[in-house]
Amino acid sequence: MTPRSRLPHWLAAIYALLLVYASLQPFSGWSESALEFFLFAPPGRYTSFDFVANVAAYLPFGFFTSLMWLSRRRAVVATVALALALSFALESLQTFLPTRAASSVDLLANVLGALSGGLAGALLRRHPFWAVNLHRWRLALFVSGRGADAGLALLVIWLMLQLNPAIPLFGATYLLPEETTVDAAGALIEAAQSACNVLGVGLFLASLLRRRAHLGAGVLLLVGSGLLLKAAAALVLLRPTAWEYWLRPGVAIGVAIGTALLLALVWRTRRTLTLLGAIALLSGLLIPLIAPELALARAPLALFSWHYGHLLNFNGLTRSGLLIWPLAAAAQLIVAGTAAMGRRSDPV
């Protein structure tokens, strides 16, 4: 990864925001003074899963951060320092939240996770194959520029948010409980939301590709990766009878319609695609408001087979991320479309 690419910087920054959200939600019930400074307090009830979860949470941050630096040794040191500062700040703030538990063990686990990710990033850059080809592939497949790096970072974050199997692929809201009868209107809303999201995400990807001919393979790879993440998460988190919960008929029909629209529109001008992509993403976010019971649906905890805690935080983070993501992606498309208009109007 060369210093000309800002992709690691965007990934590290966006992921840091996700860590802040996950650590401080629900952002309410703040006390006026810290209950007890966590470094001097006993860790209390703590399980091996809590430790592993904190290590895993900071591992991607360490990986992304280590790719920002030229020197591999400096990258690992800087990664650990940034993770220590971020984790210490968040644990300190958690002492003002009675609903959260700050712990020195959490701090240690977070730093170990970042260190592991940093070492993985350093090893990746050290390998001759990846060191030479990653940047070459980046330039060959995707348009250049800081805006494009930000867009690619958003795509990576979108894939990571698909780890919640209770939210359908190309969705941003929970489906109604399985026992709730879904009438034709409900299925139509589900289909419309899925179609808009497929079209929006597909056009967002198209705006980043250097050659439009790569869109078919790119969409297949994106959808396949999302489905693999959903399936893996469902295998771990959901009850066996709930595996098909996020593949209901309305969702499947919407995905098919969105894919057909994407193929029909793909050869329009880049400026048109950015505008249509922004409209589709915002429409997919607004459509559930037609059915308040869908927009306000809570996480279907009964579907989960998970006994280790952190489930409410996980559901809150992924849902909030998927609600914010279309806004960020639409803003990115609008900025890209405006820049394209400016370049077109410039004298040749």
Foldseek 3Di string as FASTA:
>chain_A
DDLQFCLLVLLLVVLLVLVLLLLCPPVDDFAPDFPDQAVPDPQPDDDPVLLVVLLQSQQVNLQSQLVNDDDLVVSLVVQLVVQLVSLSVSLRRCSRHPVHHRHVSSSVSNSNSSNNNSVVNSVQCVDVVNVPCVVVVLVQWWPDDRLLSNLVSLLVVLLVLLLPLQAAVLAQFGDDDPVDDQDPVNLQLLLLLLLLSLLLVLLSVLLTTPDLVCSVVVSVVSVVSSVVSSQVSCVQWFDPVCSCVNVDPSNVNSNVNNVVVNVVCSPDDNLVSLQSSLVSLVCSLCSCVVPVCGVPPDRPNVGTDDDDDPPVSSRVSSSVSSNCSSVVSNVSSVVSSVVVVVVVPDDD
